Amino acid sequence: MSRYQPVPTLARALAVAVLSALLLTGPAAFAAPLEDKPTAAELDKQIAAAARQLEVIVEQYNNSREDLLATRERTRSLGVTLRPLTRALDTRQALMDNLMSRTYQRTRSGPTVTLLASANPHEFVDKLLILNQLATSSRKAAKDLRRARADVVSTRTTLNALAAQQRTLELQLITRKATVTGEINTLRQMRSLMYAGSSRFGPSPEATPPPYIAGAAGRVVDFAFAQLGKPYSWGADGPNAYDCSGLTMDAWQQAGINLPHNAARQHGSLPHVSRSDLRPGDLVFFYAPISHVGVYIGDGKMIHAPEYGENIRIATIDTQPISGFGRP
């Protein structure tokens, strides 16, 4: 997993400088041209770099959340396993107590006295066999008890380790959430101040639904079209907002197929197809390592949740570096 890197220094410095100018001098600060004012292309490049950094962090967050969900499920499963082991331990202990009591009641003054008090050799042998059977049963019960206890201790140790792992993951998520939030706020300042709130993507291609598509893929495409215009929100999987992998996950849930909430995991869990074999409903994956995904709708276009501050939109698939295609 790639390590987080902050938004490029130029972008951060630019946002701070412009914000300071507004606070200190108001709109008049922009009456005269700034000697070091970057071009629109330079700003676009900086904002794009910041957005990419944020998207990578978001997908890392989603990946950590998937790990956390798996840890919680494993912890729940081990809790279910622990209960019968505890009952078995109690049962073995009760058996041991019962055998000890029976041995005491049968021998009274002890095995030697009992054997010597036998009326004849046959009774002596019978009592000896009984005592040997009791001793063997006691040893087996003790062995079973130790095994059951070891199983319980081992399971509890595993549970404790998983609980510690879960707490660590939660702390990682909290830290990443704070990092993402801070960088999103910086990006938001940059866009608001330098672009007056306008989108750097320009108008979305015309949202014309494709011809009727039968089956699961049709339900996926119809769902994706119905989400157009909803806002991007990191970690979101609907119904009011989505991030990129949350949108594709929810889209394919409409067809009864469950995907993980992470672009790279989605790519790893799906059969891969070639570009020449692309069909509406397939997923298109971007960047290396994979950190973005969209729903293919045909004619070289997709529906995706692009980045913070933008809405779900239609885009051509070649606007970002493609890393692969998958078909649920």
Protein backbone atom coordinates (compact mmCIF):
# COMPACT_ATOMS: atom_id res chain seq x y z
CA MET A 1 0.00 0.00 0.00
CA SER A 2 1.45 3.31 -1.01
CA ARG A 3 2.29 5.78 1.70
CA TYR A 4 0.40 9.02 1.92
CA GLN A 5 2.04 12.11 0.45
CA PRO A 6 0.73 15.61 1.09
CA VAL A 7 -0.85 17.80 -1.54
CA PRO A 8 1.93 19.40 -3.65
CA THR A 9 3.59 22.32 -1.94
CA LEU A 10 2.73 24.79 -4.70
CA ALA A 11 -0.96 23.99 -4.42
CA ARG A 12 -0.97 24.36 -0.65
CA ALA A 13 1.05 27.58 -0.71
CA LEU A 14 -1.19 28.98 -3.41
CA ALA A 15 -4.35 28.28 -1.43
CA VAL A 16 -2.92 29.85 1.71
CA ALA A 17 -1.61 32.90 -0.14
CA VAL A 18 -4.87 33.59 -1.93
CA LEU A 19 -6.92 33.07 1.22
CA SER A 20 -4.65 35.47 3.11
CA ALA A 21 -5.04 38.05 0.37
CA LEU A 22 -8.80 37.85 0.60
CA LEU A 23 -8.82 38.16 4.36
CA LEU A 24 -6.41 41.10 4.47
CA THR A 25 -7.40 43.19 1.48
CA GLY A 26 -10.69 41.87 0.14
CA PRO A 27 -11.57 41.73 -3.57
CA ALA A 28 -9.38 44.74 -4.36
CA ALA A 29 -6.38 42.49 -3.92
CA PHE A 30 -7.10 41.05 -7.35
CA ALA A 31 -7.55 44.40 -9.11
CA ALA A 32 -3.96 44.36 -10.38
CA PRO A 33 -2.40 41.30 -12.01
CA LEU A 34 -0.13 39.19 -9.84
CA GLU A 35 3.38 38.72 -11.21
CA ASP A 36 3.52 35.11 -10.05
CA LYS A 37 -0.06 34.23 -10.86
CA PRO A 38 -0.10 30.70 -12.31
CA THR A 39 -1.84 29.94 -15.56
CA ALA A 40 -5.10 28.02 -15.67
CA ALA A 41 -3.22 25.01 -17.01
CA GLU A 42 -0.80 25.11 -14.07
CA LEU A 43 -3.68 25.34 -11.63
CA ASP A 44 -5.44 22.44 -13.33
CA LYS A 45 -2.28 20.37 -13.02
CA GLN A 46 -1.93 21.16 -9.31
CA ILE A 47 -5.58 20.48 -8.57
CA ALA A 48 -5.45 17.23 -10.54
CA ALA A 49 -2.40 16.11 -8.56
CA ALA A 50 -4.10 16.96 -5.28
CA ALA A 51 -7.27 15.15 -6.34
CA ARG A 52 -5.28 12.04 -7.26
CA GLN A 53 -3.57 12.03 -3.87
CA LEU A 54 -6.94 12.32 -2.17
CA GLU A 55 -8.45 9.51 -4.22
CA VAL A 56 -5.58 7.19 -3.36
CA ILE A 57 -6.11 7.93 0.33
CA VAL A 58 -9.85 7.33 -0.02
CA GLU A 59 -9.28 3.92 -1.58
CA GLN A 60 -6.74 3.09 1.13
CA TYR A 61 -9.41 4.04 3.64
CA ASN A 62 -11.89 1.75 1.90
CA ASN A 63 -9.34 -1.07 1.87
CA SER A 64 -8.67 -0.66 5.60
CA ARG A 65 -12.40 -0.64 6.25
CA GLU A 66 -12.76 -3.93 4.35
CA ASP A 67 -9.98 -5.37 6.54
CA LEU A 68 -11.75 -4.10 9.64
CA LEU A 69 -15.05 -5.69 8.61
CA ALA A 70 -13.24 -9.00 8.04
CA THR A 71 -11.62 -8.75 11.47
CA ARG A 72 -14.96 -8.11 13.14
CA GLU A 73 -16.53 -11.08 11.35
CA ARG A 74 -13.63 -13.33 12.40
CA THR A 75 -13.94 -12.10 15.98
CA ARG A 76 -17.67 -12.86 15.94
CA SER A 77 -16.98 -16.33 14.52
CA LEU A 78 -14.39 -17.08 17.20
CA GLY A 79 -16.84 -15.92 19.84
CA VAL A 80 -19.30 -18.52 18.56
CA THR A 81 -16.55 -21.17 18.71
CA LEU A 82 -15.56 -20.17 22.23
CA ARG A 83 -18.98 -20.84 23.77
CA PRO A 84 -19.09 -24.64 23.14
CA LEU A 85 -15.46 -24.96 24.22
CA THR A 86 -16.32 -23.30 27.50
CA ARG A 87 -19.26 -25.67 27.95
CA ALA A 88 -16.98 -28.64 27.17
CA LEU A 89 -14.53 -27.42 29.79
CA ASP A 90 -17.29 -27.26 32.40
CA THR A 91 -18.47 -30.75 31.41
CA ARG A 92 -14.99 -32.23 31.75
CA GLN A 93 -14.54 -30.60 35.12
CA ALA A 94 -17.84 -32.04 36.32
CA LEU A 95 -16.78 -35.50 35.06
CA MET A 96 -13.50 -35.27 36.94
CA ASP A 97 -15.30 -34.27 40.11
CA ASN A 98 -17.72 -37.17 39.69
CA LEU A 99 -14.94 -39.71 39.13
CA MET A 100 -13.06 -38.48 42.18
CA SER A 101 -16.20 -38.80 44.26
CA ARG A 102 -16.94 -42.30 42.95
CA THR A 103 -13.39 -43.42 43.61
CA TYR A 104 -13.58 -42.17 47.18
CA GLN A 105 -16.96 -43.81 47.80
CA ARG A 106 -15.84 -47.16 46.39
CA THR A 107 -12.50 -47.33 48.18
CA ARG A 108 -13.60 -45.74 51.50
CA SER A 109 -10.29 -46.18 53.32
CA GLY A 110 -8.29 -46.33 50.12
CA PRO A 111 -7.59 -48.91 47.41
CA THR A 112 -5.14 -51.00 49.43
CA VAL A 113 -7.56 -51.56 52.31
CA THR A 114 -10.35 -52.35 49.84
CA LEU A 115 -8.30 -54.98 48.06
CA LEU A 116 -7.07 -56.62 51.28
CA ALA A 117 -10.64 -56.83 52.55
CA SER A 118 -11.71 -58.96 49.58
CA ALA A 119 -13.48 -62.21 50.54
CA ASN A 120 -11.79 -64.28 47.82
CA PRO A 121 -9.34 -63.99 44.93
CA HIS A 122 -12.15 -63.41 42.40
CA GLU A 123 -13.45 -60.44 44.38
CA PHE A 124 -9.89 -59.18 44.69
CA VAL A 125 -9.42 -59.30 40.90
CA ASP A 126 -12.81 -57.70 40.28
CA LYS A 127 -12.02 -54.81 42.60
CA LEU A 128 -8.59 -54.42 41.06
CA LEU A 129 -10.14 -54.22 37.59
CA ILE A 130 -12.67 -51.64 38.79
CA LEU A 131 -9.96 -49.49 40.34
CA ASN A 132 -7.85 -49.75 37.17
CA GLN A 133 -10.87 -48.77 35.07
CA LEU A 134 -11.54 -45.78 37.30
CA ALA A 135 -7.89 -44.73 37.11
CA THR A 136 -7.87 -45.06 33.31
CA SER A 137 -11.10 -43.07 33.01
CA SER A 138 -9.70 -40.43 35.31
CA ARG A 139 -6.54 -40.12 33.25
CA LYS A 140 -8.55 -39.85 30.02
CA ALA A 141 -10.86 -37.27 31.55
CA ALA A 142 -7.87 -35.28 32.76
CA LYS A 143 -6.29 -35.44 29.30
CA ASP A 144 -9.54 -34.32 27.67
CA LEU A 145 -9.86 -31.56 30.22
CA ARG A 146 -6.37 -30.29 29.49
CA ARG A 147 -7.04 -30.40 25.74
CA ALA A 148 -10.32 -28.51 26.11
CA ARG A 149 -8.67 -25.94 28.35
CA ALA A 150 -5.83 -25.50 25.85
CA ASP A 151 -8.36 -24.99 23.06
CA VAL A 152 -10.17 -22.34 25.08
CA VAL A 153 -6.92 -20.55 25.97
CA SER A 154 -5.75 -20.67 22.34
CA THR A 155 -9.06 -19.30 21.10
CA ARG A 156 -9.04 -16.52 23.68
CA THR A 157 -5.48 -15.62 22.69
CA THR A 158 -6.56 -15.40 19.05
CA LEU A 159 -9.54 -13.27 20.02
CA ASN A 160 -7.34 -10.91 21.98
CA ALA A 161 -4.90 -10.60 19.07
CA LEU A 162 -7.76 -9.87 16.67
CA ALA A 163 -9.19 -7.31 19.07
CA ALA A 164 -5.80 -5.56 19.19
CA GLN A 165 -5.60 -5.66 15.39
CA GLN A 166 -9.09 -4.19 15.17
CA ARG A 167 -8.18 -1.35 17.52
CA THR A 168 -5.06 -0.64 15.42
CA LEU A 169 -7.10 -0.58 12.23
CA GLU A 170 -9.62 1.77 13.82
CA LEU A 171 -6.81 4.16 14.79
CA GLN A 172 -5.45 3.99 11.24
CA LEU A 173 -8.88 4.84 9.86
CA ILE A 174 -9.25 7.76 12.25
CA THR A 175 -5.83 9.10 11.24
CA ARG A 176 -6.52 8.68 7.55
CA LYS A 177 -9.92 10.28 7.93
CA ALA A 178 -8.32 13.34 9.51
CA THR A 179 -5.70 13.46 6.74
CA VAL A 180 -8.26 13.13 3.97
CA THR A 181 -10.49 15.76 5.55
CA GLY A 182 -7.61 18.23 5.81
CA GLU A 183 -6.53 17.71 2.20
CA ILE A 184 -10.13 17.90 0.97
CA ASN A 185 -10.53 21.25 2.71
CA THR A 186 -7.32 22.51 1.05
CA LEU A 187 -8.54 21.36 -2.35
CA ARG A 188 -11.90 22.98 -1.70
CA GLN A 189 -10.24 26.32 -0.87
CA MET A 190 -8.17 26.15 -4.03
CA ARG A 191 -11.14 25.47 -6.27
CA SER A 192 -13.38 28.05 -4.61
CA LEU A 193 -10.77 30.82 -4.70
CA MET A 194 -9.20 30.21 -8.09
CA TYR A 195 -12.15 28.82 -10.03
CA ALA A 196 -15.03 30.56 -8.25
CA GLY A 197 -16.57 27.17 -7.51
CA SER A 198 -16.68 26.00 -11.13
CA SER A 199 -15.79 22.46 -12.15
CA ARG A 200 -12.44 21.89 -13.81
CA PHE A 201 -13.99 19.03 -15.80
CA GLY A 202 -16.25 21.16 -17.98
CA PRO A 203 -19.69 20.00 -19.08
CA SER A 204 -20.54 16.31 -18.87
CA PRO A 205 -21.28 14.48 -22.13
CA GLU A 206 -24.96 14.17 -22.94
CA ALA A 207 -26.70 11.74 -20.58
CA THR A 208 -28.59 9.70 -23.16
CA PRO A 209 -29.46 6.23 -21.84
CA PRO A 210 -28.29 3.43 -24.14
CA PRO A 211 -30.73 1.13 -25.93
CA TYR A 212 -32.41 -1.56 -23.85
CA ILE A 213 -29.90 -3.90 -22.24
CA ALA A 214 -31.24 -7.23 -21.03
CA GLY A 215 -30.34 -9.01 -17.83
CA ALA A 216 -28.08 -8.03 -14.96
CA ALA A 217 -25.97 -5.60 -16.99
CA GLY A 218 -29.10 -3.66 -17.92
CA ARG A 219 -30.07 -3.25 -14.28
CA VAL A 220 -26.55 -2.04 -13.49
CA VAL A 221 -26.52 0.55 -16.28
CA ASP A 222 -30.03 1.78 -15.44
CA PHE A 223 -28.99 2.19 -11.82
CA ALA A 224 -25.83 4.09 -12.78
CA PHE A 225 -27.83 6.52 -14.94
CA ALA A 226 -30.24 7.10 -12.06
CA GLN A 227 -27.32 8.28 -9.88
CA LEU A 228 -26.13 11.01 -12.25
CA GLY A 229 -25.78 14.34 -10.49
CA LYS A 230 -25.41 12.90 -6.99
CA PRO A 231 -22.37 14.21 -5.09
CA TYR A 232 -19.07 12.46 -4.59
CA SER A 233 -18.41 11.67 -0.94
CA TRP A 234 -15.40 9.69 0.27
CA GLY A 235 -16.25 6.32 1.79
CA ALA A 236 -19.91 6.64 0.72
CA ASP A 237 -21.94 3.83 -0.86
CA GLY A 238 -25.33 5.54 -1.29
CA PRO A 239 -28.08 6.18 -1.54
CA ASN A 240 -27.49 9.95 -1.53
CA ALA A 241 -23.76 10.09 -2.34
CA TYR A 242 -20.97 7.80 -3.51
CA ASP A 243 -17.27 7.47 -3.98
CA CYS A 244 -16.03 5.63 -7.08
CA SER A 245 -15.97 2.06 -5.73
CA GLY A 246 -19.08 2.66 -3.64
CA LEU A 247 -20.99 3.48 -6.83
CA THR A 248 -19.83 0.38 -8.71
CA MET A 249 -20.46 -1.79 -5.66
CA ASP A 250 -24.01 -0.51 -5.23
CA ALA A 251 -24.69 -0.74 -8.97
CA TRP A 252 -23.86 -4.44 -9.09
CA GLN A 253 -25.77 -5.12 -5.89
CA GLN A 254 -28.86 -4.32 -7.96
CA ALA A 255 -28.05 -7.47 -9.93
CA GLY A 256 -27.47 -9.58 -6.81
CA ILE A 257 -23.67 -9.52 -6.99
CA ASN A 258 -21.68 -8.36 -3.98
CA LEU A 259 -18.40 -6.56 -4.56
CA PRO A 260 -15.94 -5.16 -2.01
CA HIS A 261 -15.90 -1.41 -1.42
CA ASN A 262 -12.46 -0.91 -2.93
CA ALA A 263 -11.44 -0.51 -6.57
CA ALA A 264 -8.35 -2.75 -6.38
CA ARG A 265 -10.27 -5.50 -4.57
CA GLN A 266 -13.04 -5.31 -7.14
CA HIS A 267 -10.48 -5.74 -9.92
CA GLY A 268 -8.90 -8.68 -8.12
CA SER A 269 -12.22 -10.44 -7.57
CA LEU A 270 -13.52 -10.25 -11.15
CA PRO A 271 -12.84 -12.08 -14.41
CA HIS A 272 -10.91 -9.73 -16.68
CA VAL A 273 -11.95 -8.84 -20.21
CA SER A 274 -10.24 -7.05 -23.07
CA ARG A 275 -11.14 -3.61 -24.31
CA SER A 276 -12.40 -5.08 -27.56
CA ASP A 277 -14.84 -7.25 -25.58
CA LEU A 278 -16.20 -4.45 -23.38
CA ARG A 279 -19.95 -4.49 -22.77
CA PRO A 280 -22.24 -2.08 -20.90
CA GLY A 281 -22.15 -2.90 -17.20
CA ASP A 282 -18.48 -3.91 -17.20
CA LEU A 283 -16.16 -2.07 -14.83
CA VAL A 284 -13.25 0.06 -16.01
CA PHE A 285 -10.27 0.40 -13.66
CA PHE A 286 -7.68 3.17 -13.63
CA TYR A 287 -4.13 3.95 -12.46
CA ALA A 288 -1.39 1.74 -11.06
CA PRO A 289 -1.89 0.78 -8.35
CA ILE A 290 -5.62 0.73 -9.06
CA SER A 291 -7.43 3.53 -7.27
CA HIS A 292 -10.41 4.45 -9.46
CA VAL A 293 -13.28 2.62 -11.16
CA GLY A 294 -16.34 3.42 -13.27
CA VAL A 295 -19.32 1.65 -14.89
CA TYR A 296 -18.97 1.24 -18.65
CA ILE A 297 -22.13 2.30 -20.53
CA GLY A 298 -20.97 1.79 -24.13
CA ASP A 299 -19.58 3.98 -26.90
CA GLY A 300 -16.31 4.50 -25.01
CA LYS A 301 -18.08 6.18 -22.07
CA MET A 302 -18.58 5.42 -18.41
CA ILE A 303 -20.48 6.72 -15.40
CA HIS A 304 -18.27 7.38 -12.39
CA ALA A 305 -17.91 9.39 -9.18
CA PRO A 306 -14.84 11.46 -10.12
CA GLU A 307 -13.56 13.23 -7.00
CA TYR A 308 -14.48 15.44 -4.06
CA GLY A 309 -16.48 18.51 -5.02
CA GLU A 310 -17.81 16.89 -8.20
CA ASN A 311 -21.00 15.01 -8.97
CA ILE A 312 -21.49 11.60 -10.56
CA ARG A 313 -21.12 12.15 -14.26
CA ILE A 314 -20.54 10.62 -17.68
CA ALA A 315 -16.98 10.70 -19.02
CA THR A 316 -14.98 9.05 -21.76
CA ILE A 317 -12.89 6.19 -20.42
CA ASP A 318 -9.68 7.56 -21.96
CA THR A 319 -9.55 10.65 -19.76
CA GLN A 320 -7.55 8.64 -17.19
CA PRO A 321 -4.89 5.91 -17.56
CA ILE A 322 -6.72 2.58 -17.84
CA SER A 323 -5.34 -0.39 -15.92
CA GLY A 324 -7.91 -3.04 -16.82
CA PHE A 325 -11.50 -4.15 -17.28
CA GLY A 326 -13.65 -6.55 -15.27
CA ARG A 327 -17.00 -8.27 -15.70
CA PRO A 328 -18.92 -9.34 -12.57
